[in-house]
Amino acid sequence: MMSGQRDLAIKHIRAMVAEMPADFLEENALHAEGFMAMPLEVMVRFGLWNDILTEPEKYTEKMWFTRAFHHVARAIASAAKSSTTNARNEQ
């Protein structure tokens, strides 16, 4: 991600997240959710506003940070697209 290789960063972070077993996520949500938020971090880093806005919110109930960051990313994307009303609604 830090070398500016958008496609490679997205490919690898999505693969890492996809490989996390559901039972591991449920039992270790506090540790795993830092990884679960990373696809959104990559999208914010590269300004993929439309991708962020269409990203489904599919997190377990224990993933508080990831769910919160999902809304932060959506607010950033909305603001970047000059939709301040939608950005405020994500608060």
Protein backbone atom coordinates (compact mmCIF):
# COMPACT_ATOMS: atom_id res chain seq x y z
CA MET A 1 0.00 0.00 0.00
CA MET A 2 2.75 2.44 0.91
CA SER A 3 4.56 1.89 -2.39
CA GLY A 4 1.54 3.17 -4.31
CA GLN A 5 0.64 -0.16 -5.89
CA ARG A 6 -3.12 0.12 -5.61
CA ASP A 7 -4.20 -3.02 -7.45
CA LEU A 8 -1.64 -5.20 -5.68
CA ALA A 9 -2.55 -3.78 -2.26
CA ILE A 10 -6.27 -4.36 -2.79
CA LYS A 11 -5.73 -7.86 -4.18
CA HIS A 12 -3.62 -8.99 -1.23
CA ILE A 13 -5.66 -7.40 1.55
CA ARG A 14 -8.88 -8.84 0.12
CA ALA A 15 -7.25 -12.29 -0.09
CA MET A 16 -6.05 -12.03 3.52
CA VAL A 17 -9.49 -11.04 4.78
CA ALA A 18 -11.23 -13.72 2.71
CA GLU A 19 -9.03 -16.43 4.24
CA MET A 20 -10.00 -15.63 7.83
CA PRO A 21 -12.25 -18.43 9.10
CA ALA A 22 -15.63 -17.29 10.42
CA ASP A 23 -15.16 -19.11 13.73
CA PHE A 24 -11.80 -17.38 14.25
CA LEU A 25 -13.39 -14.00 13.57
CA GLU A 26 -16.17 -14.69 16.04
CA GLU A 27 -13.86 -15.92 18.80
CA ASN A 28 -11.09 -13.37 18.24
CA ALA A 29 -12.97 -10.34 16.94
CA LEU A 30 -11.03 -7.84 19.03
CA HIS A 31 -7.74 -9.01 17.54
CA ALA A 32 -8.93 -9.76 14.02
CA GLU A 33 -10.93 -6.64 13.34
CA GLY A 34 -7.84 -4.54 12.73
CA PHE A 35 -7.27 -6.69 9.67
CA MET A 36 -10.93 -6.62 8.66
CA ALA A 37 -10.87 -2.81 8.39
CA MET A 38 -7.79 -2.79 6.17
CA PRO A 39 -9.60 -3.09 2.81
CA LEU A 40 -11.38 0.16 3.66
CA GLU A 41 -8.10 1.76 4.72
CA VAL A 42 -6.58 0.82 1.36
CA MET A 43 -9.58 2.24 -0.50
CA VAL A 44 -9.36 5.50 1.47
CA ARG A 45 -5.62 5.69 0.81
CA PHE A 46 -6.15 5.42 -2.95
CA GLY A 47 -9.30 7.53 -3.14
CA LEU A 48 -11.61 4.76 -4.33
CA TRP A 49 -14.71 6.67 -3.28
CA ASN A 50 -17.29 4.74 -5.32
CA ASP A 51 -15.88 1.41 -4.13
CA ILE A 52 -16.12 2.57 -0.52
CA LEU A 53 -19.71 3.68 -0.95
CA THR A 54 -20.72 0.31 -2.42
CA GLU A 55 -18.76 -1.81 0.07
CA PRO A 56 -21.23 -3.97 2.02
CA GLU A 57 -21.29 -3.74 5.80
CA LYS A 58 -20.76 -7.39 6.67
CA TYR A 59 -19.18 -7.54 10.10
CA THR A 60 -19.93 -9.57 13.20
CA GLU A 61 -21.61 -7.81 16.10
CA LYS A 62 -18.33 -7.86 18.03
CA MET A 63 -16.45 -5.84 15.41
CA TRP A 64 -17.15 -2.39 16.79
CA PHE A 65 -14.05 -0.68 15.41
CA THR A 66 -14.46 -2.14 11.93
CA ARG A 67 -18.10 -1.10 11.78
CA ALA A 68 -17.19 2.40 13.00
CA PHE A 69 -14.37 2.68 10.47
CA HIS A 70 -16.77 1.59 7.73
CA HIS A 71 -18.86 4.68 8.51
CA VAL A 72 -15.76 6.89 8.74
CA ALA A 73 -14.62 5.69 5.31
CA ARG A 74 -18.10 6.33 3.90
CA ALA A 75 -18.08 9.84 5.39
CA ILE A 76 -14.66 10.55 3.87
CA ALA A 77 -15.81 9.23 0.48
CA SER A 78 -19.01 11.27 0.59
CA ALA A 79 -17.12 14.42 1.54
CA ALA A 80 -14.59 13.82 -1.24
CA LYS A 81 -17.49 13.59 -3.68
CA SER A 82 -18.89 16.90 -2.33
CA SER A 83 -21.86 15.23 -0.66
CA THR A 84 -21.65 16.84 2.76
CA THR A 85 -25.17 15.76 3.69
CA ASN A 86 -24.30 12.09 3.21
CA ALA A 87 -21.00 12.62 5.03
CA ARG A 88 -22.82 14.06 8.03
CA ASN A 89 -25.36 11.22 7.96
CA GLU A 90 -22.52 8.72 8.43
CA GLN A 91 -21.63 10.25 11.81
